[in-house]
Amino acid sequence: MRYKTLLKYAEAEQIIEKSKFIGYAKPVEKEEEAIAFIESIRSKHWNATHNVPVYLIGKNNEIQRYSDDGEPAGTAGIPILDMLKKEEIRNVVIVVTRYFGGIKLGTGGLVRAYTSTAKLVLKEAKVIEKVLYDLIKIRIDYSLMGKVQNELLTAGYVIKETFFDDAVNLYIYSEPDQTERCVQMITNLTSGKAEIQVEDTVYLNVENGVLLK
């Protein structure tokens, strides 16, 4: 299981034909978070010509909302929403604020301006993947530590942390479809002497194929 979203909050701005466009973006999990974020931007820019909000939330985009906030219909909110769906980015809220500079952009110009501002702020917020991982605890004798660690790293598993008591406790991340293979590998490697259990299943951040710890 994986999906694309944002790493962090970000903002970006550009001037187009004397109008100032300011993009704000943030990863969110719930609609309430998105609404609160939109209201905070509206309060901050209460005197702006437009504050265009868009958010997309849910495994299958169950929640999707947008507004053109006074711009001609279809020129502001919907192009941003369409861009997010095309890029398959979800669990995100974007607000693009506009201060009118006196020059009308026309329908096509508005679509380009709002979309390009949204893309600009997405770049600042960093698009990442959320990937589902099992957190596996492996408890082994000290004599097996080097061999097990090497095999895990060679096989591409990520060791989150290691704790020591009267044995070695390794906590590793494995994508769920690789967990059975991992368990079998450690069982064979330790002749069945390892204690192995899945402690949790969590979404983690992955950027360009690399797990962000």
N, C-alpha and C. Protein backbone atom coordinates (compact mmCIF):
# COMPACT_ATOMS: atom_id res chain seq x y z
N MET A 1 0.84 -1.20 0.00
CA MET A 1 0.00 0.00 0.00
C MET A 1 0.87 1.25 0.00
N ARG A 2 0.63 2.12 -0.96
CA ARG A 2 1.38 3.37 -1.01
C ARG A 2 0.56 4.45 -1.70
N TYR A 3 0.83 5.68 -1.33
CA TYR A 3 0.19 6.80 -2.00
C TYR A 3 1.08 8.03 -1.89
N LYS A 4 0.84 9.02 -2.76
CA LYS A 4 1.64 10.23 -2.76
C LYS A 4 0.96 11.33 -1.96
N THR A 5 1.78 12.04 -1.17
CA THR A 5 1.28 13.18 -0.41
C THR A 5 2.43 14.17 -0.24
N LEU A 6 2.32 15.08 0.73
CA LEU A 6 3.37 16.07 0.96
C LEU A 6 4.16 15.78 2.22
N LEU A 7 5.42 16.18 2.20
CA LEU A 7 6.28 15.97 3.36
C LEU A 7 6.01 16.99 4.45
N LYS A 8 5.76 18.26 4.06
CA LYS A 8 5.69 19.33 5.05
C LYS A 8 4.86 20.51 4.55
N TYR A 9 4.60 21.43 5.47
CA TYR A 9 3.96 22.70 5.12
C TYR A 9 4.92 23.53 4.29
N ALA A 10 4.37 24.28 3.35
CA ALA A 10 5.21 25.17 2.54
C ALA A 10 4.39 26.31 1.98
N GLU A 11 5.09 27.34 1.54
CA GLU A 11 4.45 28.45 0.85
C GLU A 11 5.37 28.94 -0.27
N ALA A 12 4.78 29.54 -1.28
CA ALA A 12 5.54 30.05 -2.42
C ALA A 12 4.73 31.14 -3.08
N GLU A 13 5.40 32.08 -3.73
CA GLU A 13 4.66 33.15 -4.39
C GLU A 13 5.29 33.55 -5.71
N GLN A 14 4.47 34.13 -6.56
CA GLN A 14 4.96 34.64 -7.84
C GLN A 14 4.08 35.81 -8.27
N ILE A 15 4.64 36.67 -9.12
CA ILE A 15 3.90 37.80 -9.67
C ILE A 15 3.60 37.48 -11.13
N ILE A 16 2.32 37.58 -11.50
CA ILE A 16 1.90 37.36 -12.88
C ILE A 16 1.06 38.55 -13.32
N GLU A 17 1.55 39.29 -14.31
CA GLU A 17 0.85 40.48 -14.81
C GLU A 17 0.40 41.39 -13.66
N LYS A 18 1.34 41.64 -12.76
CA LYS A 18 1.15 42.56 -11.62
C LYS A 18 0.25 42.00 -10.50
N SER A 19 -0.36 40.84 -10.71
CA SER A 19 -1.12 40.19 -9.63
C SER A 19 -0.16 39.32 -8.83
N LYS A 20 -0.29 39.39 -7.50
CA LYS A 20 0.53 38.52 -6.64
C LYS A 20 -0.25 37.26 -6.30
N PHE A 21 0.35 36.11 -6.59
CA PHE A 21 -0.24 34.81 -6.24
C PHE A 21 0.63 34.16 -5.17
N ILE A 22 0.00 33.78 -4.05
CA ILE A 22 0.72 33.13 -2.95
C ILE A 22 0.10 31.76 -2.71
N GLY A 23 0.92 30.72 -2.83
CA GLY A 23 0.42 29.36 -2.62
C GLY A 23 0.80 28.84 -1.25
N TYR A 24 -0.14 28.19 -0.60
CA TYR A 24 0.09 27.54 0.69
C TYR A 24 -0.33 26.07 0.57
N ALA A 25 0.46 25.18 1.11
CA ALA A 25 0.13 23.75 1.04
C ALA A 25 0.53 23.06 2.33
N LYS A 26 -0.21 22.00 2.64
CA LYS A 26 0.05 21.27 3.88
C LYS A 26 -0.52 19.85 3.76
N PRO A 27 0.20 18.84 4.30
CA PRO A 27 -0.38 17.50 4.36
C PRO A 27 -1.42 17.43 5.47
N VAL A 28 -2.54 16.78 5.23
CA VAL A 28 -3.60 16.64 6.24
C VAL A 28 -4.15 15.22 6.20
N GLU A 29 -4.71 14.81 7.32
CA GLU A 29 -5.33 13.49 7.42
C GLU A 29 -6.85 13.56 7.51
N LYS A 30 -7.35 14.70 8.01
CA LYS A 30 -8.79 14.84 8.24
C LYS A 30 -9.32 16.13 7.64
N GLU A 31 -10.61 16.13 7.32
CA GLU A 31 -11.23 17.31 6.73
C GLU A 31 -11.18 18.50 7.68
N GLU A 32 -11.31 18.21 8.98
CA GLU A 32 -11.28 19.30 9.97
C GLU A 32 -9.96 20.06 9.92
N GLU A 33 -8.86 19.33 9.70
CA GLU A 33 -7.55 19.98 9.59
C GLU A 33 -7.50 20.89 8.37
N ALA A 34 -8.05 20.42 7.26
CA ALA A 34 -8.06 21.20 6.02
C ALA A 34 -8.87 22.48 6.20
N ILE A 35 -10.04 22.36 6.81
CA ILE A 35 -10.91 23.52 7.01
C ILE A 35 -10.24 24.55 7.92
N ALA A 36 -9.60 24.07 8.99
CA ALA A 36 -8.90 24.98 9.92
C ALA A 36 -7.76 25.71 9.22
N PHE A 37 -7.05 24.99 8.36
CA PHE A 37 -5.93 25.58 7.61
C PHE A 37 -6.44 26.67 6.67
N ILE A 38 -7.52 26.36 5.95
CA ILE A 38 -8.10 27.33 5.02
C ILE A 38 -8.54 28.59 5.75
N GLU A 39 -9.18 28.41 6.91
CA GLU A 39 -9.64 29.56 7.69
C GLU A 39 -8.47 30.41 8.18
N SER A 40 -7.36 29.75 8.52
CA SER A 40 -6.18 30.51 8.99
C SER A 40 -5.59 31.36 7.87
N ILE A 41 -5.60 30.84 6.65
CA ILE A 41 -5.08 31.62 5.51
C ILE A 41 -6.04 32.76 5.19
N ARG A 42 -7.33 32.48 5.24
CA ARG A 42 -8.31 33.54 4.98
C ARG A 42 -8.19 34.67 6.00
N SER A 43 -7.94 34.30 7.26
CA SER A 43 -7.77 35.33 8.30
C SER A 43 -6.50 36.14 8.07
N LYS A 44 -5.46 35.45 7.65
CA LYS A 44 -4.17 36.11 7.40
C LYS A 44 -4.28 37.08 6.22
N HIS A 45 -5.01 36.65 5.19
CA HIS A 45 -5.16 37.46 3.97
C HIS A 45 -6.62 37.90 3.80
N TRP A 46 -7.16 38.50 4.85
CA TRP A 46 -8.56 38.91 4.83
C TRP A 46 -8.84 39.97 3.76
N ASN A 47 -7.78 40.71 3.37
CA ASN A 47 -7.96 41.79 2.39
C ASN A 47 -7.55 41.38 0.97
N ALA A 48 -7.27 40.07 0.77
CA ALA A 48 -6.89 39.59 -0.57
C ALA A 48 -8.10 39.61 -1.49
N THR A 49 -7.86 39.67 -2.79
CA THR A 49 -8.94 39.64 -3.77
C THR A 49 -9.62 38.28 -3.78
N HIS A 50 -8.80 37.21 -3.69
CA HIS A 50 -9.33 35.85 -3.69
C HIS A 50 -8.45 34.96 -2.80
N ASN A 51 -9.08 34.02 -2.11
CA ASN A 51 -8.38 32.93 -1.41
C ASN A 51 -9.01 31.63 -1.91
N VAL A 52 -8.34 30.97 -2.82
CA VAL A 52 -8.91 29.79 -3.48
C VAL A 52 -8.48 28.51 -2.75
N PRO A 53 -9.42 27.78 -2.11
CA PRO A 53 -9.09 26.57 -1.35
C PRO A 53 -9.38 25.28 -2.12
N VAL A 54 -8.52 24.30 -1.92
CA VAL A 54 -8.72 22.97 -2.53
C VAL A 54 -8.19 21.93 -1.54
N TYR A 55 -8.95 20.88 -1.33
CA TYR A 55 -8.37 19.76 -0.57
C TYR A 55 -8.91 18.43 -1.08
N LEU A 56 -8.05 17.42 -0.90
CA LEU A 56 -8.31 16.08 -1.40
C LEU A 56 -7.85 15.10 -0.32
N ILE A 57 -8.78 14.33 0.22
CA ILE A 57 -8.48 13.46 1.36
C ILE A 57 -9.12 12.09 1.19
N GLY A 58 -8.40 11.05 1.58
CA GLY A 58 -8.97 9.71 1.60
C GLY A 58 -8.29 8.75 0.66
N LYS A 59 -8.38 7.47 1.00
CA LYS A 59 -7.75 6.42 0.22
C LYS A 59 -8.18 6.44 -1.24
N ASN A 60 -9.45 6.72 -1.47
CA ASN A 60 -9.98 6.78 -2.84
C ASN A 60 -10.54 8.17 -3.15
N ASN A 61 -9.88 9.20 -2.57
CA ASN A 61 -10.32 10.59 -2.76
C ASN A 61 -11.78 10.79 -2.34
N GLU A 62 -12.14 10.15 -1.22
CA GLU A 62 -13.54 10.22 -0.77
C GLU A 62 -13.97 11.66 -0.50
N ILE A 63 -13.04 12.48 0.00
CA ILE A 63 -13.38 13.87 0.30
C ILE A 63 -12.60 14.78 -0.64
N GLN A 64 -13.31 15.52 -1.48
CA GLN A 64 -12.65 16.49 -2.36
C GLN A 64 -13.51 17.74 -2.44
N ARG A 65 -12.90 18.85 -2.09
CA ARG A 65 -13.63 20.13 -2.06
C ARG A 65 -12.78 21.21 -2.73
N TYR A 66 -13.47 22.16 -3.34
CA TYR A 66 -12.76 23.29 -3.93
C TYR A 66 -13.73 24.46 -4.05
N SER A 67 -13.17 25.65 -4.24
CA SER A 67 -13.98 26.83 -4.51
C SER A 67 -13.17 27.74 -5.43
N ASP A 68 -13.87 28.46 -6.31
CA ASP A 68 -13.19 29.47 -7.14
C ASP A 68 -13.12 30.81 -6.41
N ASP A 69 -13.82 30.91 -5.29
CA ASP A 69 -13.80 32.11 -4.44
C ASP A 69 -13.94 33.41 -5.23
N GLY A 70 -14.90 33.46 -6.12
CA GLY A 70 -15.17 34.71 -6.84
C GLY A 70 -14.52 34.82 -8.20
N GLU A 71 -13.56 33.95 -8.50
CA GLU A 71 -12.99 33.93 -9.85
C GLU A 71 -14.03 33.30 -10.79
N PRO A 72 -13.92 33.55 -12.10
CA PRO A 72 -14.86 32.91 -13.04
C PRO A 72 -14.89 31.39 -12.85
N ALA A 73 -16.07 30.81 -12.93
CA ALA A 73 -16.24 29.37 -12.67
C ALA A 73 -15.29 28.53 -13.50
N GLY A 74 -14.61 27.60 -12.81
CA GLY A 74 -13.74 26.65 -13.48
C GLY A 74 -12.33 27.15 -13.77
N THR A 75 -11.98 28.36 -13.28
CA THR A 75 -10.66 28.91 -13.61
C THR A 75 -9.65 28.82 -12.47
N ALA A 76 -10.07 28.40 -11.27
CA ALA A 76 -9.17 28.46 -10.12
C ALA A 76 -9.12 27.14 -9.33
N GLY A 77 -10.23 26.85 -8.63
CA GLY A 77 -10.23 25.66 -7.77
C GLY A 77 -10.17 24.35 -8.53
N ILE A 78 -11.01 24.21 -9.54
CA ILE A 78 -11.10 22.91 -10.24
C ILE A 78 -9.81 22.57 -10.99
N PRO A 79 -9.10 23.52 -11.61
CA PRO A 79 -7.84 23.14 -12.26
C PRO A 79 -6.80 22.61 -11.26
N ILE A 80 -6.79 23.18 -10.06
CA ILE A 80 -5.86 22.70 -9.03
C ILE A 80 -6.26 21.30 -8.59
N LEU A 81 -7.56 21.09 -8.36
CA LEU A 81 -8.05 19.76 -7.96
C LEU A 81 -7.73 18.73 -9.04
N ASP A 82 -7.96 19.09 -10.30
CA ASP A 82 -7.67 18.17 -11.41
C ASP A 82 -6.19 17.83 -11.47
N MET A 83 -5.35 18.83 -11.22
CA MET A 83 -3.90 18.60 -11.24
C MET A 83 -3.48 17.63 -10.13
N LEU A 84 -4.06 17.79 -8.94
CA LEU A 84 -3.75 16.89 -7.82
C LEU A 84 -4.17 15.45 -8.14
N LYS A 85 -5.36 15.31 -8.76
CA LYS A 85 -5.84 13.97 -9.10
C LYS A 85 -4.99 13.34 -10.21
N LYS A 86 -4.59 14.15 -11.15
CA LYS A 86 -3.75 13.65 -12.25
C LYS A 86 -2.39 13.19 -11.71
N GLU A 87 -1.84 13.95 -10.75
CA GLU A 87 -0.55 13.60 -10.15
C GLU A 87 -0.69 12.52 -9.06
N GLU A 88 -1.95 12.18 -8.75
CA GLU A 88 -2.27 11.16 -7.73
C GLU A 88 -1.72 11.55 -6.35
N ILE A 89 -1.86 12.83 -6.03
CA ILE A 89 -1.45 13.34 -4.72
C ILE A 89 -2.71 13.49 -3.87
N ARG A 90 -2.67 12.97 -2.65
CA ARG A 90 -3.85 13.09 -1.80
C ARG A 90 -3.45 13.41 -0.36
N ASN A 91 -4.49 13.57 0.48
CA ASN A 91 -4.30 14.01 1.86
C ASN A 91 -3.51 15.32 1.90
N VAL A 92 -4.04 16.29 1.14
CA VAL A 92 -3.36 17.57 0.99
C VAL A 92 -4.40 18.69 0.92
N VAL A 93 -4.02 19.85 1.46
CA VAL A 93 -4.84 21.05 1.32
C VAL A 93 -3.97 22.14 0.71
N ILE A 94 -4.54 22.88 -0.23
CA ILE A 94 -3.84 24.00 -0.89
C ILE A 94 -4.75 25.22 -0.87
N VAL A 95 -4.16 26.37 -0.58
CA VAL A 95 -4.87 27.64 -0.74
C VAL A 95 -3.98 28.54 -1.60
N VAL A 96 -4.56 29.08 -2.66
CA VAL A 96 -3.83 30.06 -3.48
C VAL A 96 -4.51 31.41 -3.29
N THR A 97 -3.75 32.35 -2.74
CA THR A 97 -4.23 33.71 -2.47
C THR A 97 -3.82 34.61 -3.63
N ARG A 98 -4.75 35.47 -4.05
CA ARG A 98 -4.43 36.40 -5.13
C ARG A 98 -4.73 37.84 -4.71
N TYR A 99 -3.75 38.71 -4.96
CA TYR A 99 -3.95 40.14 -4.84
C TYR A 99 -3.96 40.71 -6.26
N PHE A 100 -5.12 41.19 -6.69
CA PHE A 100 -5.28 41.65 -8.08
C PHE A 100 -4.40 42.86 -8.37
N GLY A 101 -3.69 42.78 -9.50
CA GLY A 101 -2.75 43.85 -9.84
C GLY A 101 -3.24 44.81 -10.90
N GLY A 102 -4.50 44.67 -11.34
CA GLY A 102 -5.05 45.63 -12.28
C GLY A 102 -5.13 45.15 -13.71
N ILE A 103 -4.51 44.00 -14.01
CA ILE A 103 -4.54 43.47 -15.37
C ILE A 103 -5.33 42.16 -15.37
N LYS A 104 -6.37 42.09 -16.17
CA LYS A 104 -7.16 40.86 -16.25
C LYS A 104 -6.38 39.80 -17.03
N LEU A 105 -6.45 38.56 -16.55
CA LEU A 105 -5.67 37.48 -17.15
C LEU A 105 -6.45 36.66 -18.17
N GLY A 106 -7.75 36.77 -18.16
CA GLY A 106 -8.55 35.94 -19.06
C GLY A 106 -8.68 34.53 -18.51
N THR A 107 -9.60 33.77 -19.06
CA THR A 107 -9.87 32.42 -18.56
C THR A 107 -8.63 31.53 -18.57
N GLY A 108 -7.98 31.43 -19.72
CA GLY A 108 -6.79 30.58 -19.82
C GLY A 108 -5.67 31.06 -18.93
N GLY A 109 -5.51 32.37 -18.84
CA GLY A 109 -4.46 32.94 -17.99
C GLY A 109 -4.67 32.63 -16.52
N LEU A 110 -5.93 32.68 -16.09
CA LEU A 110 -6.24 32.35 -14.69
C LEU A 110 -5.95 30.89 -14.38
N VAL A 111 -6.37 30.01 -15.28
CA VAL A 111 -6.11 28.57 -15.09
C VAL A 111 -4.61 28.32 -14.96
N ARG A 112 -3.83 28.93 -15.85
CA ARG A 112 -2.37 28.74 -15.80
C ARG A 112 -1.77 29.33 -14.53
N ALA A 113 -2.26 30.49 -14.13
CA ALA A 113 -1.71 31.17 -12.96
C ALA A 113 -1.97 30.37 -11.68
N TYR A 114 -3.20 29.91 -11.50
CA TYR A 114 -3.53 29.16 -10.29
C TYR A 114 -2.84 27.79 -10.28
N THR A 115 -2.82 27.14 -11.42
CA THR A 115 -2.17 25.83 -11.49
C THR A 115 -0.67 25.93 -11.27
N SER A 116 -0.04 26.91 -11.89
CA SER A 116 1.41 27.04 -11.74
C SER A 116 1.80 27.43 -10.32
N THR A 117 0.96 28.23 -9.65
CA THR A 117 1.24 28.59 -8.25
C THR A 117 1.10 27.35 -7.36
N ALA A 118 0.09 26.54 -7.63
CA ALA A 118 -0.10 25.30 -6.86
C ALA A 118 1.10 24.37 -7.06
N LYS A 119 1.57 24.25 -8.30
CA LYS A 119 2.73 23.39 -8.58
C LYS A 119 3.98 23.92 -7.89
N LEU A 120 4.09 25.24 -7.84
CA LEU A 120 5.25 25.88 -7.20
C LEU A 120 5.30 25.54 -5.71
N VAL A 121 4.15 25.62 -5.05
CA VAL A 121 4.14 25.35 -3.61
C VAL A 121 4.27 23.85 -3.33
N LEU A 122 3.75 23.00 -4.24
CA LEU A 122 3.92 21.55 -4.07
C LEU A 122 5.41 21.18 -4.12
N LYS A 123 6.14 21.86 -5.00
CA LYS A 123 7.58 21.61 -5.11
C LYS A 123 8.28 21.97 -3.80
N GLU A 124 7.86 23.06 -3.18
CA GLU A 124 8.45 23.49 -1.90
C GLU A 124 8.08 22.52 -0.78
N ALA A 125 6.86 22.00 -0.83
CA ALA A 125 6.37 21.10 0.23
C ALA A 125 6.92 19.68 0.08
N LYS A 126 7.49 19.36 -1.07
CA LYS A 126 8.08 18.06 -1.42
C LYS A 126 7.04 16.94 -1.48
N VAL A 127 6.81 16.46 -2.67
CA VAL A 127 5.92 15.32 -2.88
C VAL A 127 6.68 14.05 -2.52
N ILE A 128 6.13 13.28 -1.62
CA ILE A 128 6.73 12.01 -1.18
C ILE A 128 5.72 10.89 -1.32
N GLU A 129 6.17 9.68 -1.07
CA GLU A 129 5.25 8.54 -1.00
C GLU A 129 5.08 8.14 0.45
N LYS A 130 3.87 7.81 0.82
CA LYS A 130 3.60 7.15 2.10
C LYS A 130 3.51 5.66 1.79
N VAL A 131 4.38 4.88 2.40
CA VAL A 131 4.43 3.44 2.10
C VAL A 131 4.16 2.66 3.38
N LEU A 132 3.34 1.63 3.27
CA LEU A 132 2.98 0.80 4.43
C LEU A 132 4.11 -0.18 4.74
N TYR A 133 4.52 -0.21 6.00
CA TYR A 133 5.57 -1.12 6.45
C TYR A 133 5.13 -1.86 7.71
N ASP A 134 5.58 -3.11 7.83
CA ASP A 134 5.49 -3.83 9.10
C ASP A 134 6.72 -3.50 9.93
N LEU A 135 6.53 -3.26 11.22
CA LEU A 135 7.66 -3.12 12.15
C LEU A 135 7.84 -4.48 12.81
N ILE A 136 8.97 -5.12 12.55
CA ILE A 136 9.21 -6.48 13.04
C ILE A 136 10.28 -6.46 14.13
N LYS A 137 10.00 -7.15 15.22
CA LYS A 137 10.99 -7.31 16.29
C LYS A 137 11.65 -8.69 16.15
N ILE A 138 12.97 -8.69 16.10
CA ILE A 138 13.73 -9.93 16.01
C ILE A 138 14.64 -10.01 17.23
N ARG A 139 14.45 -11.03 18.05
CA ARG A 139 15.24 -11.20 19.26
C ARG A 139 16.17 -12.41 19.08
N ILE A 140 17.47 -12.15 19.17
CA ILE A 140 18.46 -13.20 18.90
C ILE A 140 19.59 -13.17 19.91
N ASP A 141 20.35 -14.24 19.93
CA ASP A 141 21.55 -14.33 20.77
C ASP A 141 22.64 -13.41 20.20
N TYR A 142 23.50 -12.93 21.09
CA TYR A 142 24.58 -12.02 20.68
C TYR A 142 25.47 -12.64 19.60
N SER A 143 25.67 -13.93 19.67
CA SER A 143 26.55 -14.60 18.72
C SER A 143 26.02 -14.56 17.28
N LEU A 144 24.72 -14.30 17.13
CA LEU A 144 24.10 -14.27 15.80
C LEU A 144 23.96 -12.86 15.23
N MET A 145 24.29 -11.86 16.02
CA MET A 145 24.01 -10.47 15.66
C MET A 145 24.64 -10.05 14.33
N GLY A 146 25.93 -10.26 14.16
CA GLY A 146 26.63 -9.83 12.94
C GLY A 146 26.06 -10.47 11.70
N LYS A 147 25.84 -11.78 11.78
CA LYS A 147 25.33 -12.53 10.63
C LYS A 147 23.92 -12.06 10.24
N VAL A 148 23.06 -11.87 11.24
CA VAL A 148 21.68 -11.46 10.98
C VAL A 148 21.63 -10.04 10.43
N GLN A 149 22.39 -9.14 11.04
CA GLN A 149 22.42 -7.75 10.56
C GLN A 149 22.87 -7.68 9.10
N ASN A 150 23.93 -8.38 8.78
CA ASN A 150 24.45 -8.37 7.41
C ASN A 150 23.43 -8.88 6.41
N GLU A 151 22.77 -9.98 6.76
CA GLU A 151 21.78 -10.56 5.85
C GLU A 151 20.59 -9.61 5.64
N LEU A 152 20.16 -8.97 6.74
CA LEU A 152 19.04 -8.03 6.64
C LEU A 152 19.37 -6.86 5.72
N LEU A 153 20.55 -6.28 5.93
CA LEU A 153 20.96 -5.13 5.12
C LEU A 153 21.19 -5.52 3.66
N THR A 154 21.78 -6.67 3.45
CA THR A 154 22.02 -7.16 2.09
C THR A 154 20.70 -7.39 1.36
N ALA A 155 19.70 -7.85 2.10
CA ALA A 155 18.38 -8.13 1.50
C ALA A 155 17.53 -6.87 1.34
N GLY A 156 18.05 -5.73 1.82
CA GLY A 156 17.35 -4.47 1.60
C GLY A 156 16.39 -4.05 2.70
N TYR A 157 16.40 -4.74 3.84
CA TYR A 157 15.54 -4.34 4.94
C TYR A 157 16.18 -3.18 5.71
N VAL A 158 15.34 -2.35 6.32
CA VAL A 158 15.83 -1.19 7.06
C VAL A 158 15.79 -1.49 8.56
N ILE A 159 16.95 -1.39 9.21
CA ILE A 159 17.01 -1.59 10.66
C ILE A 159 16.70 -0.27 11.35
N LYS A 160 15.58 -0.21 12.04
CA LYS A 160 15.14 1.03 12.70
C LYS A 160 16.00 1.32 13.92
N GLU A 161 16.16 0.31 14.76
CA GLU A 161 16.97 0.49 15.98
C GLU A 161 17.29 -0.86 16.58
N THR A 162 18.26 -0.86 17.48
CA THR A 162 18.70 -2.09 18.15
C THR A 162 18.77 -1.84 19.64
N PHE A 163 18.18 -2.75 20.44
CA PHE A 163 18.25 -2.66 21.90
C PHE A 163 18.95 -3.91 22.43
N PHE A 164 19.71 -3.71 23.50
CA PHE A 164 20.46 -4.81 24.09
C PHE A 164 20.01 -5.05 25.53
N ASP A 165 19.71 -6.31 25.85
CA ASP A 165 19.52 -6.72 27.25
C ASP A 165 20.28 -8.04 27.38
N ASP A 166 19.62 -9.11 27.77
CA ASP A 166 20.33 -10.39 27.80
C ASP A 166 20.33 -11.05 26.41
N ALA A 167 19.79 -10.33 25.44
CA ALA A 167 19.81 -10.75 24.03
C ALA A 167 19.83 -9.48 23.17
N VAL A 168 19.90 -9.66 21.86
CA VAL A 168 19.87 -8.52 20.93
C VAL A 168 18.46 -8.40 20.36
N ASN A 169 17.91 -7.18 20.43
CA ASN A 169 16.56 -6.93 19.93
C ASN A 169 16.65 -5.97 18.74
N LEU A 170 16.42 -6.52 17.55
CA LEU A 170 16.47 -5.73 16.33
C LEU A 170 15.04 -5.36 15.91
N TYR A 171 14.84 -4.09 15.60
CA TYR A 171 13.55 -3.65 15.09
C TYR A 171 13.76 -3.23 13.64
N ILE A 172 13.06 -3.89 12.72
CA ILE A 172 13.28 -3.61 11.30
C ILE A 172 11.96 -3.30 10.60
N TYR A 173 12.08 -2.60 9.48
CA TYR A 173 10.92 -2.31 8.65
C TYR A 173 10.91 -3.23 7.43
N SER A 174 9.73 -3.76 7.15
CA SER A 174 9.56 -4.62 5.98
C SER A 174 8.22 -4.30 5.33
N GLU A 175 8.20 -4.18 4.02
CA GLU A 175 6.91 -4.02 3.35
C GLU A 175 6.12 -5.31 3.58
N PRO A 176 4.82 -5.20 3.85
CA PRO A 176 4.02 -6.37 4.24
C PRO A 176 4.16 -7.59 3.33
N ASP A 177 4.30 -7.36 2.02
CA ASP A 177 4.40 -8.52 1.13
C ASP A 177 5.78 -9.19 1.18
N GLN A 178 6.71 -8.57 1.95
CA GLN A 178 8.04 -9.14 2.12
C GLN A 178 8.26 -9.72 3.52
N THR A 179 7.26 -9.55 4.39
CA THR A 179 7.42 -9.95 5.79
C THR A 179 7.60 -11.46 5.95
N GLU A 180 6.79 -12.23 5.25
CA GLU A 180 6.89 -13.69 5.36
C GLU A 180 8.27 -14.17 4.89
N ARG A 181 8.76 -13.57 3.83
CA ARG A 181 10.10 -13.90 3.31
C ARG A 181 11.17 -13.57 4.34
N CYS A 182 10.99 -12.43 5.01
CA CYS A 182 11.94 -12.00 6.05
C CYS A 182 11.96 -12.98 7.22
N VAL A 183 10.78 -13.34 7.68
CA VAL A 183 10.66 -14.27 8.80
C VAL A 183 11.33 -15.61 8.46
N GLN A 184 11.08 -16.10 7.26
CA GLN A 184 11.65 -17.36 6.82
C GLN A 184 13.17 -17.28 6.75
N MET A 185 13.68 -16.15 6.24
CA MET A 185 15.11 -15.96 6.11
C MET A 185 15.80 -15.97 7.48
N ILE A 186 15.22 -15.26 8.45
CA ILE A 186 15.81 -15.19 9.79
C ILE A 186 15.70 -16.54 10.50
N THR A 187 14.57 -17.21 10.30
CA THR A 187 14.38 -18.53 10.91
C THR A 187 15.44 -19.51 10.41
N ASN A 188 15.68 -19.52 9.10
CA ASN A 188 16.69 -20.40 8.52
C ASN A 188 18.09 -20.04 8.99
N LEU A 189 18.34 -18.71 9.05
CA LEU A 189 19.67 -18.21 9.40
C LEU A 189 20.04 -18.55 10.84
N THR A 190 19.03 -18.58 11.71
CA THR A 190 19.29 -18.81 13.14
C THR A 190 18.89 -20.21 13.59
N SER A 191 18.60 -21.07 12.60
CA SER A 191 18.15 -22.44 12.91
C SER A 191 16.96 -22.44 13.85
N GLY A 192 16.06 -21.48 13.66
CA GLY A 192 14.83 -21.44 14.45
C GLY A 192 15.00 -20.88 15.85
N LYS A 193 16.17 -20.29 16.14
CA LYS A 193 16.43 -19.79 17.50
C LYS A 193 16.02 -18.33 17.70
N ALA A 194 15.54 -17.68 16.68
CA ALA A 194 15.13 -16.27 16.82
C ALA A 194 13.66 -16.16 17.24
N GLU A 195 13.37 -15.17 18.07
CA GLU A 195 11.98 -14.82 18.39
C GLU A 195 11.59 -13.69 17.44
N ILE A 196 10.55 -13.91 16.65
CA ILE A 196 10.17 -12.92 15.63
C ILE A 196 8.69 -12.60 15.76
N GLN A 197 8.37 -11.30 15.79
CA GLN A 197 6.96 -10.93 15.82
C GLN A 197 6.75 -9.55 15.18
N VAL A 198 5.61 -9.38 14.54
CA VAL A 198 5.24 -8.08 13.97
C VAL A 198 4.65 -7.23 15.08
N GLU A 199 5.32 -6.11 15.37
CA GLU A 199 4.91 -5.24 16.47
C GLU A 199 3.86 -4.21 16.05
N ASP A 200 3.94 -3.76 14.79
CA ASP A 200 3.05 -2.69 14.34
C ASP A 200 3.07 -2.64 12.81
N THR A 201 2.10 -1.95 12.24
CA THR A 201 2.08 -1.68 10.80
C THR A 201 1.81 -0.19 10.63
N VAL A 202 2.73 0.51 9.98
CA VAL A 202 2.66 1.97 9.91
C VAL A 202 3.00 2.48 8.51
N TYR A 203 2.51 3.69 8.20
CA TYR A 203 2.90 4.37 6.97
C TYR A 203 4.16 5.20 7.25
N LEU A 204 5.15 5.06 6.40
CA LEU A 204 6.40 5.81 6.53
C LEU A 204 6.64 6.65 5.28
N ASN A 205 7.48 7.67 5.43
CA ASN A 205 7.78 8.58 4.32
C ASN A 205 8.91 8.04 3.45
N VAL A 206 8.66 8.02 2.15
CA VAL A 206 9.68 7.58 1.19
C VAL A 206 9.84 8.66 0.13
N GLU A 207 11.09 9.10 -0.07
CA GLU A 207 11.38 10.11 -1.10
C GLU A 207 12.37 9.55 -2.10
N ASN A 208 11.96 9.55 -3.36
CA ASN A 208 12.81 9.02 -4.43
C ASN A 208 13.31 7.59 -4.12
N GLY A 209 12.41 6.78 -3.56
CA GLY A 209 12.73 5.39 -3.28
C GLY A 209 13.51 5.14 -2.01
N VAL A 210 13.83 6.23 -1.27
CA VAL A 210 14.61 6.11 -0.04
C VAL A 210 13.73 6.39 1.18
N LEU A 211 13.77 5.47 2.15
CA LEU A 211 12.98 5.64 3.38
C LEU A 211 13.56 6.78 4.20
N LEU A 212 12.71 7.75 4.57
CA LEU A 212 13.15 8.86 5.39
C LEU A 212 12.97 8.49 6.85
N LYS A 213 14.08 8.40 7.56
CA LYS A 213 14.00 7.97 8.97
C LYS A 213 13.65 9.15 9.87
